[in-house]
Amino acid sequence: MSNNNTPTIQNRKARHDYQVEETFEAGIVLKGTEVKSIRQGKASFTDSFAFLKNGEVFLRELYIKPYEHGSYYNHDPRRERKLLLNKKEIRQLDKFVQQKGYTLVPLKLYFKRGNAKILIGVAKGKKSFDKRDSIKEKDLKRQLDRNVKGTYKVNL
């Protein structure tokens, strides 16, 4: 549950390029200027991914724009950020990643009770024909919604 004044940053491309099998909510270690930038909605998931290193999960290539009023306290926009998960969850992620074709993809960045959270998904890359099928399904659903919306007329 996020408030209206705190933005939710979505990775729209992830659901198009990957088939998401399972999702995990993780905390994310941030600096003060990063939190302020995210609260302004100044972050982007382009080319970002998560990986395991020494029994810990890290996020790479998440772009968080430097805060305008940060002066010399500002952060590196693409620095590696640690994700906070339980050992049990990390073991589950490790099992998935060991399987061929699975990767960890960030899906959503949001605030929950004042803390920054990131939703990461265990995903398998889609082939180009799978993407075409997804687009076709989306178009059919949109057309169906339009038809249904157009047929309901209130006669007073």
Protein backbone atom coordinates (compact mmCIF):
# COMPACT_ATOMS: atom_id res chain seq x y z
CA MET A 1 0.00 0.00 0.00
CA SER A 2 1.69 3.16 -1.16
CA ASN A 3 0.41 6.67 -0.63
CA ASN A 4 -0.52 8.95 -3.49
CA ASN A 5 2.46 11.20 -2.78
CA THR A 6 5.04 8.40 -3.03
CA PRO A 7 5.46 7.06 -6.57
CA THR A 8 5.64 3.44 -7.62
CA ILE A 9 8.25 2.93 -10.31
CA GLN A 10 7.38 0.02 -12.62
CA ASN A 11 9.57 -2.02 -14.94
CA ARG A 12 7.07 -2.35 -17.80
CA LYS A 13 9.54 -3.96 -20.17
CA ALA A 14 10.19 -6.87 -17.78
CA ARG A 15 6.75 -8.43 -18.14
CA HIS A 16 7.05 -8.08 -21.93
CA ASP A 17 10.53 -9.64 -22.21
CA TYR A 18 10.27 -12.27 -19.44
CA GLN A 19 7.88 -14.90 -18.15
CA VAL A 20 7.82 -14.20 -14.38
CA GLU A 21 7.58 -17.43 -12.35
CA GLU A 22 7.74 -16.14 -8.76
CA THR A 23 8.16 -12.78 -7.01
CA PHE A 24 9.97 -11.73 -3.84
CA GLU A 25 9.74 -8.46 -1.91
CA ALA A 26 13.13 -7.19 -0.77
CA GLY A 27 14.36 -4.19 1.12
CA ILE A 28 17.02 -2.12 -0.59
CA VAL A 29 20.03 -0.39 0.97
CA LEU A 30 19.97 3.26 -0.12
CA LYS A 31 21.69 6.53 0.73
CA GLY A 32 19.70 9.59 1.81
CA THR A 33 19.94 11.39 -1.53
CA GLU A 34 18.79 8.23 -3.33
CA VAL A 35 15.66 8.03 -1.18
CA LYS A 36 14.84 11.67 -1.95
CA SER A 37 15.26 11.10 -5.70
CA ILE A 38 13.06 7.98 -5.63
CA ARG A 39 10.36 9.86 -3.71
CA GLN A 40 10.37 12.37 -6.61
CA GLY A 41 9.99 9.47 -9.07
CA LYS A 42 13.45 9.94 -10.60
CA ALA A 43 14.51 6.32 -11.10
CA SER A 44 14.65 3.95 -14.07
CA PHE A 45 14.93 0.18 -14.45
CA THR A 46 16.51 0.23 -17.93
CA ASP A 47 18.92 -2.74 -18.23
CA SER A 48 18.85 -3.40 -14.46
CA PHE A 49 19.17 -6.89 -13.02
CA ALA A 50 19.76 -8.67 -9.71
CA PHE A 51 22.43 -11.27 -8.99
CA LEU A 52 23.79 -13.37 -6.13
CA LYS A 53 27.32 -12.87 -4.79
CA ASN A 54 28.75 -14.50 -1.63
CA GLY A 55 25.30 -15.47 -0.34
CA GLU A 56 23.89 -11.96 -0.79
CA VAL A 57 21.67 -10.43 -3.46
CA PHE A 58 22.71 -7.24 -5.27
CA LEU A 59 21.02 -5.00 -7.82
CA ARG A 60 23.02 -3.54 -10.68
CA GLU A 61 22.26 -0.84 -13.29
CA LEU A 62 19.26 0.64 -11.43
CA TYR A 63 19.47 4.32 -12.38
CA ILE A 64 18.59 6.77 -9.62
CA LYS A 65 19.04 10.37 -10.74
CA PRO A 66 21.33 12.43 -8.48
CA TYR A 67 19.33 14.64 -6.11
CA GLU A 68 19.33 18.32 -7.19
CA HIS A 69 20.09 19.68 -3.72
CA GLY A 70 22.55 16.92 -2.79
CA SER A 71 25.82 18.87 -3.33
CA TYR A 72 28.87 16.73 -2.57
CA TYR A 73 26.74 14.19 -0.62
CA ASN A 74 25.25 12.94 -3.88
CA HIS A 75 25.43 9.28 -4.89
CA ASP A 76 26.70 7.44 -7.98
CA PRO A 77 23.56 7.03 -10.16
CA ARG A 78 24.29 3.41 -11.21
CA ARG A 79 26.06 2.02 -8.15
CA GLU A 80 25.57 -1.58 -7.02
CA ARG A 81 22.90 -1.77 -4.31
CA LYS A 82 22.41 -4.54 -1.77
CA LEU A 83 18.98 -6.16 -1.44
CA LEU A 84 17.75 -7.29 1.97
CA LEU A 85 16.20 -10.77 2.02
CA ASN A 86 15.94 -13.66 4.51
CA LYS A 87 18.43 -16.53 4.20
CA LYS A 88 15.55 -18.84 3.26
CA GLU A 89 14.52 -16.51 0.41
CA ILE A 90 18.13 -16.22 -0.79
CA ARG A 91 18.42 -20.03 -0.88
CA GLN A 92 15.20 -20.20 -2.94
CA LEU A 93 16.54 -17.59 -5.37
CA ASP A 94 19.82 -19.49 -5.63
CA LYS A 95 17.96 -22.71 -6.55
CA PHE A 96 16.05 -20.90 -9.29
CA VAL A 97 19.12 -19.15 -10.73
CA GLN A 98 21.04 -22.46 -10.85
CA GLN A 99 18.44 -23.74 -13.31
CA LYS A 100 19.19 -22.96 -16.93
CA GLY A 101 17.54 -19.85 -18.34
CA TYR A 102 16.37 -18.22 -15.11
CA THR A 103 17.35 -14.71 -14.08
CA LEU A 104 16.42 -12.17 -11.39
CA VAL A 105 14.57 -9.15 -12.76
CA PRO A 106 13.42 -6.10 -10.76
CA LEU A 107 9.72 -5.44 -11.38
CA LYS A 108 8.65 -2.61 -9.11
CA LEU A 109 10.18 -0.05 -6.72
CA TYR A 110 7.90 1.42 -4.06
CA PHE A 111 7.64 2.55 -0.45
CA LYS A 112 5.96 0.45 2.22
CA ARG A 113 5.55 2.00 5.68
CA GLY A 114 8.30 4.50 4.87
CA ASN A 115 10.83 1.90 3.70
CA ALA A 116 11.94 1.47 0.11
CA LYS A 117 11.03 -1.97 -1.22
CA ILE A 118 11.76 -3.65 -4.51
CA LEU A 119 9.76 -6.48 -6.04
CA ILE A 120 12.10 -8.88 -7.84
CA GLY A 121 10.89 -11.69 -10.04
CA VAL A 122 12.44 -15.00 -10.95
CA ALA A 123 11.97 -14.94 -14.69
CA LYS A 124 12.70 -16.88 -17.85
CA GLY A 125 13.36 -15.01 -21.09
CA LYS A 126 10.59 -15.08 -23.68
CA LYS A 127 11.24 -16.05 -27.26
CA SER A 128 10.13 -13.63 -30.00
CA PHE A 129 7.06 -15.73 -30.85
CA ASP A 130 6.01 -15.69 -27.16
CA LYS A 131 6.19 -11.90 -27.24
CA ARG A 132 3.98 -11.84 -30.34
CA ASP A 133 1.46 -14.06 -28.57
CA SER A 134 1.42 -11.73 -25.53
CA ILE A 135 0.86 -8.71 -27.76
CA LYS A 136 -1.91 -10.53 -29.62
CA GLU A 137 -3.64 -11.46 -26.33
CA LYS A 138 -3.37 -7.88 -25.08
CA ASP A 139 -4.84 -6.51 -28.33
CA LEU A 140 -7.73 -9.01 -28.23
CA LYS A 141 -8.48 -8.10 -24.60
CA ARG A 142 -8.39 -4.38 -25.43
CA GLN A 143 -10.74 -4.92 -28.42
CA LEU A 144 -13.11 -7.00 -26.29
CA ASP A 145 -13.14 -4.30 -23.58
CA ARG A 146 -13.94 -1.67 -26.22
CA ASN A 147 -16.79 -3.77 -27.61
CA VAL A 148 -18.25 -4.42 -24.16
CA LYS A 149 -17.95 -0.77 -23.21
CA GLY A 150 -19.66 0.30 -26.44
CA THR A 151 -22.65 -2.07 -26.06
CA TYR A 152 -23.82 -0.90 -22.65
CA LYS A 153 -26.11 2.07 -23.26
CA VAL A 154 -28.34 3.51 -20.59
CA ASN A 155 -31.76 4.51 -21.89
CA LEU A 156 -33.51 6.95 -19.60
